[in-house]
Amino acid sequence: MKRILTHLAAFIAGIIALPLGIFITVKVAPNALPGLFSPNVSLAKDLIEKGERDTVVEYFEACRKFWRMDRGRLDDWIALVKGGETPYFGGNLRY
């Protein structure tokens, strides 16, 4: 539970700091969020819009440690972000 709360606190801090021009990355430890089926990527989308593509790719790579049923979405998103595009995140903007 502590790991989940730590991740959520970093996520919320990132959303609050972004409009101020402060970029906070959400670090994900291996198995930090067991049982989480997919991440909320709204902060990642905002970071992409601010040009922080490397940070987003790093976050998506870290998500592999807990999101085992991504059905290739992480690979697709990483390729799009590296290619200068913004992926369609669908429901992952709301979770």
Protein backbone atom coordinates (compact mmCIF):
# COMPACT_ATOMS: atom_id res chain seq x y z
CA MET A 1 0.00 0.00 0.00
CA LYS A 2 2.87 2.39 0.81
CA ARG A 3 4.31 1.97 -2.70
CA ILE A 4 0.97 2.73 -4.32
CA LEU A 5 0.52 5.86 -2.20
CA THR A 6 4.07 7.00 -2.99
CA HIS A 7 3.44 6.59 -6.72
CA LEU A 8 0.11 8.43 -6.52
CA ALA A 9 1.67 11.26 -4.50
CA ALA A 10 4.41 11.71 -7.13
CA PHE A 11 1.79 11.62 -9.90
CA ILE A 12 -0.32 14.31 -8.21
CA ALA A 13 2.76 16.44 -7.50
CA GLY A 14 3.68 16.21 -11.17
CA ILE A 15 0.24 17.39 -12.27
CA ILE A 16 0.34 20.31 -9.83
CA ALA A 17 3.89 21.33 -10.77
CA LEU A 18 3.51 21.12 -14.55
CA PRO A 19 1.60 24.40 -15.03
CA LEU A 20 4.37 26.12 -13.07
CA GLY A 21 6.98 24.87 -15.53
CA ILE A 22 8.40 22.39 -13.04
CA PHE A 23 8.81 18.89 -14.44
CA ILE A 24 8.58 16.09 -11.91
CA THR A 25 9.05 12.55 -13.12
CA VAL A 26 7.10 9.76 -11.53
CA LYS A 27 9.53 7.02 -10.64
CA VAL A 28 8.21 3.49 -10.72
CA ALA A 29 10.05 0.77 -8.84
CA PRO A 30 9.82 -2.86 -10.00
CA ASN A 31 6.51 -4.31 -8.88
CA ALA A 32 5.67 -1.00 -7.20
CA LEU A 33 2.07 -1.24 -8.24
CA PRO A 34 1.15 -4.94 -8.18
CA GLY A 35 -2.25 -5.70 -9.61
CA LEU A 36 -2.47 -2.44 -11.53
CA PHE A 37 -3.69 -3.31 -14.99
CA SER A 38 -2.85 -0.05 -16.72
CA PRO A 39 -1.48 3.33 -15.70
CA ASN A 40 -3.14 6.71 -15.92
CA VAL A 41 -1.04 8.53 -18.51
CA SER A 42 -2.54 12.00 -18.32
CA LEU A 43 0.70 13.39 -16.85
CA ALA A 44 2.66 11.66 -19.64
CA LYS A 45 0.43 13.35 -22.23
CA ASP A 46 1.00 16.75 -20.60
CA LEU A 47 4.76 16.14 -20.51
CA ILE A 48 4.75 15.21 -24.21
CA GLU A 49 3.02 18.50 -24.96
CA LYS A 50 5.79 20.30 -23.03
CA GLY A 51 8.50 18.50 -25.03
CA GLU A 52 9.59 16.14 -22.25
CA ARG A 53 9.57 13.09 -24.53
CA ASP A 54 12.59 11.34 -23.00
CA THR A 55 10.97 11.52 -19.57
CA VAL A 56 7.80 9.94 -20.94
CA VAL A 57 9.72 7.15 -22.67
CA GLU A 58 11.56 6.45 -19.41
CA TYR A 59 8.22 6.27 -17.57
CA PHE A 60 6.71 3.92 -20.16
CA GLU A 61 9.78 1.66 -19.94
CA ALA A 62 9.36 1.56 -16.15
CA CYS A 63 5.67 0.68 -16.56
CA ARG A 64 6.69 -2.63 -18.16
CA LYS A 65 7.63 -3.84 -14.68
CA PHE A 66 4.03 -3.88 -13.50
CA TRP A 67 1.79 -3.60 -16.58
CA ARG A 68 2.07 -7.09 -17.99
CA MET A 69 -1.11 -7.06 -20.07
CA ASP A 70 -0.46 -3.96 -22.17
CA ARG A 71 -1.06 -5.89 -25.43
CA GLY A 72 1.79 -4.07 -27.15
CA ARG A 73 0.55 -0.59 -26.25
CA LEU A 74 3.78 0.38 -24.48
CA ASP A 75 5.83 -0.54 -27.55
CA ASP A 76 3.47 1.45 -29.77
CA TRP A 77 3.43 4.47 -27.46
CA ILE A 78 7.22 4.48 -27.09
CA ALA A 79 7.69 4.32 -30.87
CA LEU A 80 5.24 7.16 -31.43
CA VAL A 81 6.75 9.37 -28.71
CA LYS A 82 10.27 8.75 -30.04
CA GLY A 83 8.97 9.58 -33.52
CA GLY A 84 7.69 12.97 -32.39
CA GLU A 85 4.02 12.04 -32.23
CA THR A 86 1.50 11.92 -29.41
CA PRO A 87 -0.20 8.54 -29.00
CA TYR A 88 -3.94 8.08 -28.66
CA PHE A 89 -4.19 7.00 -25.02
CA GLY A 90 -7.92 6.32 -24.93
CA GLY A 91 -9.17 5.21 -21.53
CA ASN A 92 -5.69 5.42 -20.02
CA LEU A 93 -6.25 9.15 -19.59
CA ARG A 94 -9.03 8.43 -17.08
CA TYR A 95 -7.87 5.53 -14.89
